[in-house]
C-alpha atoms as a PDB file:
ATOM      1  CA  MET A   1      90.471 136.229 146.262  1.00  0.00           C
ATOM      2  CA  GLY A   2      89.405 133.519 143.275  1.00  0.00           C
ATOM      3  CA  ARG A   3      92.818 132.913 142.461  1.00  0.00           C
ATOM      4  CA  LEU A   4      93.482 132.188 145.540  1.00  0.00           C
ATOM      5  CA  SER A   5      90.883 130.243 146.512  1.00  0.00           C
ATOM      6  CA  SER A   6      91.866 128.341 142.962  1.00  0.00           C
ATOM      7  CA  SER A   7      95.481 128.188 143.755  1.00  0.00           C
ATOM      8  CA  HIS A   8      94.643 126.964 147.277  1.00  0.00           C
ATOM      9  CA  GLY A   9      92.869 124.003 145.874  1.00  0.00           C
ATOM     10  CA  HIS A  10      95.299 122.626 143.908  1.00  0.00           C
ATOM     11  CA  VAL A  11      97.736 122.691 146.341  1.00  0.00           C
ATOM     12  CA  MET A  12      95.067 120.581 148.262  1.00  0.00           C
ATOM     13  CA  VAL A  13      94.731 118.282 145.502  1.00  0.00           C
ATOM     14  CA  LEU A  14      98.667 117.732 144.973  1.00  0.00           C
ATOM     15  CA  VAL A  15      98.793 117.152 148.545  1.00  0.00           C
ATOM     16  CA  ALA A  16      96.072 114.760 148.306  1.00  0.00           C
ATOM     17  CA  VAL A  17      97.912 112.894 145.723  1.00  0.00           C
ATOM     18  CA  LEU A  18     101.182 113.024 147.251  1.00  0.00           C
ATOM     19  CA  GLY A  19      99.817 111.736 150.655  1.00  0.00           C
ATOM     20  CA  ALA A  20      98.019 108.769 148.308  1.00  0.00           C
ATOM     21  CA  VAL A  21     101.345 108.168 146.745  1.00  0.00           C
ATOM     22  CA  VAL A  22     103.470 107.972 150.187  1.00  0.00           C
ATOM     23  CA  ALA A  23     100.695 105.744 151.838  1.00  0.00           C
ATOM     24  CA  SER A  24     100.550 103.262 148.715  1.00  0.00           C
ATOM     25  CA  ALA A  25     104.462 102.873 148.404  1.00  0.00           C
ATOM     26  CA  SER A  26     104.637 100.512 151.206  1.00  0.00           C
ATOM     27  CA  ALA A  27     102.461  98.254 149.321  1.00  0.00           C
ATOM     28  CA  ILE A  28     104.157  98.758 145.674  1.00  0.00           C
ATOM     29  CA  ASP A  29     106.063  95.006 145.315  1.00  0.00           C
ATOM     30  CA  ILE A  30     109.669  95.512 144.659  1.00  0.00           C
ATOM     31  CA  SER A  31     110.339  92.495 145.184  1.00  0.00           C
ATOM     32  CA  HIS A  32     112.048  91.708 141.585  1.00  0.00           C
ATOM     33  CA  LEU A  33     114.244  94.449 142.216  1.00  0.00           C
ATOM     34  CA  GLU A  34     116.069  92.619 144.982  1.00  0.00           C
ATOM     35  CA  GLY A  35     116.200  89.082 143.758  1.00  0.00           C
ATOM     36  CA  HIS A  36     112.949  87.802 145.722  1.00  0.00           C
ATOM     37  CA  ARG A  37     113.382  83.995 146.381  1.00  0.00           C
ATOM     38  CA  GLN A  38     110.168  82.287 146.966  1.00  0.00           C
ATOM     39  CA  TYR A  39     110.652  82.085 151.000  1.00  0.00           C
ATOM     40  CA  THR A  40     110.305  85.102 152.713  1.00  0.00           C
ATOM     41  CA  LYS A  41     113.288  87.372 153.910  1.00  0.00           C
ATOM     42  CA  ARG A  42     113.053  88.479 157.183  1.00  0.00           C
ATOM     43  CA  SER A  43     115.461  90.956 159.321  1.00  0.00           C
ATOM     44  CA  GLU A  44     117.641  89.204 162.218  1.00  0.00           C
ATOM     45  CA  ARG A  45     114.566  90.063 164.597  1.00  0.00           C
ATOM     46  CA  GLU A  46     110.931  89.234 163.320  1.00  0.00           C
ATOM     47  CA  CYS A  47     109.377  86.291 161.745  1.00  0.00           C
ATOM     48  CA  ALA A  48     105.648  86.751 160.949  1.00  0.00           C
ATOM     49  CA  ALA A  49     103.129  84.701 163.474  1.00  0.00           C
ATOM     50  CA  TYR A  50     102.125  82.622 159.611  1.00  0.00           C
ATOM     51  CA  GLU A  51     105.671  81.800 159.704  1.00  0.00           C
ATOM     52  CA  PRO A  52     107.244  81.150 162.744  1.00  0.00           C
ATOM     53  CA  PHE A  53     110.252  79.215 162.162  1.00  0.00           C
ATOM     54  CA  ARG A  54     113.514  80.979 161.634  1.00  0.00           C
ATOM     55  CA  CYS A  55     115.748  79.048 159.662  1.00  0.00           C
ATOM     56  CA  PRO A  56     119.543  78.913 160.631  1.00  0.00           C
ATOM     57  CA  GLY A  57     121.335  82.215 159.189  1.00  0.00           C
ATOM     58  CA  GLY A  58     118.220  84.347 160.210  1.00  0.00           C
ATOM     59  CA  HIS A  59     117.038  85.673 157.544  1.00  0.00           C
ATOM     60  CA  VAL A  60     114.327  83.201 156.429  1.00  0.00           C
ATOM     61  CA  CYS A  61     111.266  82.255 157.930  1.00  0.00           C
ATOM     62  CA  ILE A  62     108.661  79.374 156.766  1.00  0.00           C
ATOM     63  CA  SER A  63     105.562  78.195 158.542  1.00  0.00           C
ATOM     64  CA  ILE A  64     105.915  75.275 160.785  1.00  0.00           C
ATOM     65  CA  GLN A  65     103.734  72.918 158.604  1.00  0.00           C
ATOM     66  CA  TYR A  66     106.905  73.214 156.325  1.00  0.00           C
ATOM     67  CA  LEU A  67     108.884  71.253 159.318  1.00  0.00           C
ATOM     68  CA  CYS A  68     109.891  67.518 158.822  1.00  0.00           C
ATOM     69  CA  ASP A  69     107.418  67.210 156.182  1.00  0.00           C
ATOM     70  CA  GLY A  70     109.946  65.618 153.451  1.00  0.00           C
ATOM     71  CA  ALA A  71     111.001  68.663 151.426  1.00  0.00           C
ATOM     72  CA  PRO A  72     113.678  71.291 152.143  1.00  0.00           C
ATOM     73  CA  ASP A  73     112.605  75.057 153.062  1.00  0.00           C
ATOM     74  CA  CYS A  74     115.402  76.425 154.314  1.00  0.00           C
ATOM     75  CA  PRO A  75     118.393  77.277 152.202  1.00  0.00           C
ATOM     76  CA  ASP A  76     120.555  74.816 153.971  1.00  0.00           C
ATOM     77  CA  GLY A  77     117.546  72.005 154.346  1.00  0.00           C
ATOM     78  CA  TYR A  78     117.642  72.633 158.359  1.00  0.00           C
ATOM     79  CA  ASP A  79     114.093  72.039 158.175  1.00  0.00           C
ATOM     80  CA  GLU A  80     114.526  68.302 157.685  1.00  0.00           C
ATOM     81  CA  ASN A  81     116.856  67.504 159.966  1.00  0.00           C
ATOM     82  CA  LEU A  82     116.492  64.566 161.756  1.00  0.00           C
ATOM     83  CA  GLN A  83     117.599  65.877 165.445  1.00  0.00           C
ATOM     84  CA  LEU A  84     115.560  68.957 164.817  1.00  0.00           C
ATOM     85  CA  CYS A  85     112.364  66.571 163.413  1.00  0.00           C
ATOM     86  CA  THR A  86     112.625  64.195 166.319  1.00  0.00           C
ATOM     87  CA  ALA A  87     112.475  66.681 168.452  1.00  0.00           C
ATOM     88  CA  ALA A  88     109.504  67.976 167.111  1.00  0.00           C
ATOM     89  CA  LYS A  89     107.504  65.245 168.499  1.00  0.00           C
ATOM     90  CA  ARG A  90     108.795  65.257 171.889  1.00  0.00           C
ATOM     91  CA  PRO A  91     108.065  67.428 174.883  1.00  0.00           C
ATOM     92  CA  PRO A  92     110.131  70.644 174.704  1.00  0.00           C
ATOM     93  CA  VAL A  93     113.251  70.971 176.177  1.00  0.00           C
ATOM     94  CA  GLU A  94     112.316  73.469 178.584  1.00  0.00           C
ATOM     95  CA  GLU A  95     109.466  70.858 179.823  1.00  0.00           C
ATOM     96  CA  THR A  96     112.005  68.024 180.115  1.00  0.00           C
ATOM     97  CA  ALA A  97     114.279  69.892 181.844  1.00  0.00           C
ATOM     98  CA  SER A  98     111.497  71.214 183.945  1.00  0.00           C
ATOM     99  CA  PHE A  99     110.773  68.092 185.028  1.00  0.00           C
ATOM    100  CA  LEU A 100     114.281  66.658 185.720  1.00  0.00           C
ATOM    101  CA  GLN A 101     114.666  69.991 187.871  1.00  0.00           C
ATOM    102  CA  SER A 102     111.559  68.594 189.930  1.00  0.00           C
ATOM    103  CA  LEU A 103     112.856  65.291 190.518  1.00  0.00           C
ATOM    104  CA  LEU A 104     115.759  66.028 191.897  1.00  0.00           C
ATOM    105  CA  ALA A 105     114.172  69.075 194.066  1.00  0.00           C
ATOM    106  CA  SER A 106     111.805  66.340 195.802  1.00  0.00           C
ATOM    107  CA  HIS A 107     114.115  63.658 195.891  1.00  0.00           C
ATOM    108  CA  GLY A 108     117.702  65.249 196.079  1.00  0.00           C
ATOM    109  CA  PRO A 109     120.842  65.627 193.887  1.00  0.00           C
ATOM    110  CA  ASN A 110     121.793  62.289 193.205  1.00  0.00           C
ATOM    111  CA  TYR A 111     118.326  61.014 192.877  1.00  0.00           C
ATOM    112  CA  LEU A 112     118.286  60.582 188.541  1.00  0.00           C
ATOM    113  CA  GLU A 113     121.558  58.250 189.134  1.00  0.00           C
ATOM    114  CA  LYS A 114     118.465  55.976 189.753  1.00  0.00           C
ATOM    115  CA  LEU A 115     117.447  56.354 186.024  1.00  0.00           C
ATOM    116  CA  PHE A 116     120.422  57.246 184.078  1.00  0.00           C
ATOM    117  CA  GLY A 117     123.353  55.463 186.473  1.00  0.00           C
ATOM    118  CA  THR A 118     126.043  56.694 188.289  1.00  0.00           C
ATOM    119  CA  LYS A 119     127.446  59.775 185.768  1.00  0.00           C
ATOM    120  CA  ALA A 120     123.700  61.314 186.864  1.00  0.00           C
ATOM    121  CA  ARG A 121     124.870  62.120 190.384  1.00  0.00           C
ATOM    122  CA  ASN A 122     125.298  65.624 191.717  1.00  0.00           C
ATOM    123  CA  ALA A 123     122.285  67.243 189.702  1.00  0.00           C
ATOM    124  CA  LEU A 124     123.622  65.214 186.439  1.00  0.00           C
ATOM    125  CA  LYS A 125     126.694  67.421 186.312  1.00  0.00           C
ATOM    126  CA  PRO A 126     128.509  64.477 185.136  1.00  0.00           C
ATOM    127  CA  LEU A 127     126.286  64.265 182.392  1.00  0.00           C
ATOM    128  CA  GLY A 128     126.482  67.921 181.408  1.00  0.00           C
ATOM    129  CA  GLY A 129     123.822  68.979 183.646  1.00  0.00           C
ATOM    130  CA  VAL A 130     119.887  69.192 183.619  1.00  0.00           C
ATOM    131  CA  GLN A 131     119.629  71.408 180.145  1.00  0.00           C
ATOM    132  CA  GLN A 132     122.087  68.825 178.567  1.00  0.00           C
ATOM    133  CA  VAL A 133     120.398  65.522 179.097  1.00  0.00           C
ATOM    134  CA  ALA A 134     116.970  67.382 178.321  1.00  0.00           C
ATOM    135  CA  VAL A 135     118.342  68.428 175.150  1.00  0.00           C
ATOM    136  CA  ALA A 136     119.584  64.244 174.586  1.00  0.00           C
ATOM    137  CA  LEU A 137     116.028  62.788 175.567  1.00  0.00           C
ATOM    138  CA  SER A 138     114.840  65.607 172.760  1.00  0.00           C
ATOM    139  CA  GLU A 139     116.995  65.095 170.215  1.00  0.00           C
ATOM    140  CA  SER A 140     117.911  61.569 170.402  1.00  0.00           C
ATOM    141  CA  GLN A 141     116.181  59.707 167.812  1.00  0.00           C
ATOM    142  CA  THR A 142     116.513  56.267 170.159  1.00  0.00           C
ATOM    143  CA  ILE A 143     117.564  55.283 173.787  1.00  0.00           C
ATOM    144  CA  ASP A 144     120.863  53.635 172.263  1.00  0.00           C
ATOM    145  CA  GLU A 145     121.440  57.616 170.529  1.00  0.00           C
ATOM    146  CA  PHE A 146     121.053  58.976 173.741  1.00  0.00           C
ATOM    147  CA  GLY A 147     123.089  56.741 175.554  1.00  0.00           C
ATOM    148  CA  ARG A 148     126.159  57.663 173.477  1.00  0.00           C
ATOM    149  CA  SER A 149     125.291  61.169 173.146  1.00  0.00           C
ATOM    150  CA  LEU A 150     125.939  61.543 176.929  1.00  0.00           C
ATOM    151  CA  ASN A 151     128.558  59.008 176.853  1.00  0.00           C
ATOM    152  CA  LEU A 152     126.523  56.622 179.033  1.00  0.00           C
ATOM    153  CA  MET A 153     127.631  52.886 180.148  1.00  0.00           C
ATOM    154  CA  LYS A 154     125.914  49.764 177.996  1.00  0.00           C
ATOM    155  CA  SER A 155     124.809  48.922 181.685  1.00  0.00           C
ATOM    156  CA  ASP A 156     123.107  52.229 182.771  1.00  0.00           C
ATOM    157  CA  VAL A 157     121.422  52.416 178.763  1.00  0.00           C
ATOM    158  CA  GLU A 158     120.545  48.636 179.619  1.00  0.00           C
ATOM    159  CA  HIS A 159     118.611  49.664 182.920  1.00  0.00           C
ATOM    160  CA  LEU A 160     117.129  52.848 181.489  1.00  0.00           C
ATOM    161  CA  ARG A 161     115.746  50.553 178.634  1.00  0.00           C
ATOM    162  CA  SER A 162     113.959  48.048 181.433  1.00  0.00           C
ATOM    163  CA  VAL A 163     112.631  50.830 183.218  1.00  0.00           C
ATOM    164  CA  PHE A 164     110.991  52.472 179.784  1.00  0.00           C
ATOM    165  CA  MET A 165     109.999  48.816 178.987  1.00  0.00           C
ATOM    166  CA  ALA A 166     108.260  48.264 182.442  1.00  0.00           C
ATOM    167  CA  VAL A 167     106.354  51.874 181.738  1.00  0.00           C
ATOM    168  CA  GLU A 168     105.417  50.685 177.898  1.00  0.00           C
ATOM    169  CA  ASN A 169     103.723  47.497 179.647  1.00  0.00           C
ATOM    170  CA  GLY A 170     102.137  49.404 182.311  1.00  0.00           C
ATOM    171  CA  ASP A 171     104.211  47.892 185.386  1.00  0.00           C
ATOM    172  CA  ILE A 172     104.095  50.916 187.823  1.00  0.00           C
ATOM    173  CA  GLY A 173     105.795  48.583 189.742  1.00  0.00           C
ATOM    174  CA  MET A 174     109.401  49.322 188.787  1.00  0.00           C
ATOM    175  CA  LEU A 175     108.609  53.226 189.172  1.00  0.00           C
ATOM    176  CA  LYS A 176     107.782  52.545 192.457  1.00  0.00           C
ATOM    177  CA  SER A 177     110.873  50.321 193.208  1.00  0.00           C
ATOM    178  CA  LEU A 178     112.724  53.343 192.019  1.00  0.00           C
ATOM    179  CA  GLY A 179     111.570  55.495 195.023  1.00  0.00           C
ATOM    180  CA  ILE A 180     108.842  57.822 192.795  1.00  0.00           C
ATOM    181  CA  LYS A 181     106.228  58.919 195.039  1.00  0.00           C
ATOM    182  CA  ASP A 182     102.605  58.004 194.249  1.00  0.00           C
ATOM    183  CA  SER A 183     101.806  61.828 193.570  1.00  0.00           C
ATOM    184  CA  GLU A 184     104.304  61.427 190.804  1.00  0.00           C
ATOM    185  CA  LEU A 185     103.302  58.340 189.723  1.00  0.00           C
ATOM    186  CA  GLY A 186     101.153  59.759 187.020  1.00  0.00           C
ATOM    187  CA  ASP A 187     103.678  62.523 185.949  1.00  0.00           C
ATOM    188  CA  VAL A 188     106.524  59.855 185.522  1.00  0.00           C
ATOM    189  CA  LYS A 189     104.327  57.573 183.799  1.00  0.00           C
ATOM    190  CA  PHE A 190     102.943  59.966 181.025  1.00  0.00           C
ATOM    191  CA  PHE A 191     106.212  61.549 180.431  1.00  0.00           C
ATOM    192  CA  LEU A 192     108.152  57.806 179.744  1.00  0.00           C
ATOM    193  CA  GLU A 193     105.469  57.588 177.558  1.00  0.00           C
ATOM    194  CA  LYS A 194     105.718  60.463 175.378  1.00  0.00           C
ATOM    195  CA  LEU A 195     109.311  59.507 174.895  1.00  0.00           C
ATOM    196  CA  VAL A 196     108.208  55.615 174.074  1.00  0.00           C
ATOM    197  CA  ASN A 197     105.637  56.780 171.746  1.00  0.00           C
ATOM    198  CA  THR A 198     107.865  58.996 169.573  1.00  0.00           C
ATOM    199  CA  GLY A 199     110.473  55.679 168.704  1.00  0.00           C
ATOM    200  CA  PHE A 200     112.729  56.015 171.918  1.00  0.00           C
ATOM    201  CA  LEU A 201     112.701  52.157 172.790  1.00  0.00           C
ATOM    202  CA  ASP A 202     113.090  51.621 168.735  1.00  0.00           C
END
């Protein structure tokens, strides 16, 4: 019996040692074996919470603090892309699309013609739809670039500029003349001011 207990004891020790080795194997740094880079490689599906921004190509994730900081961190430098950096300062595309959609729902499919010109009829379809206009508002550095991206006529861009300038100068009468309801004035003014404050009129 003494021999069996001794054998059993050795087996238990061996199992415990093997368990510890297996448990710690995931903590072993083997990055030097696979040509590790300064940034973190991730699978196509995941980015860590502390590095939520996925660079194009899908394998590199970086921290939000490194976006638009003047130093490229993505392999292709996308984190310093001018359109991305402009969009980072603007309201999210989803919020902008939702805002435009709410104006259309409240006033009808041709309402935004009052802001963007005749191409904005039929729920913005001639301009590519609500989503396309929201993206252009988000990514265009200036109102002129916005007009070019949607092929607006110069007169439409100038009208839109006058609306933004009126808002910037506190002229709510301009918004009322466009048929914006009193209950919507605050939201519309807030939205347009966000664009103005991020250089849209520059």
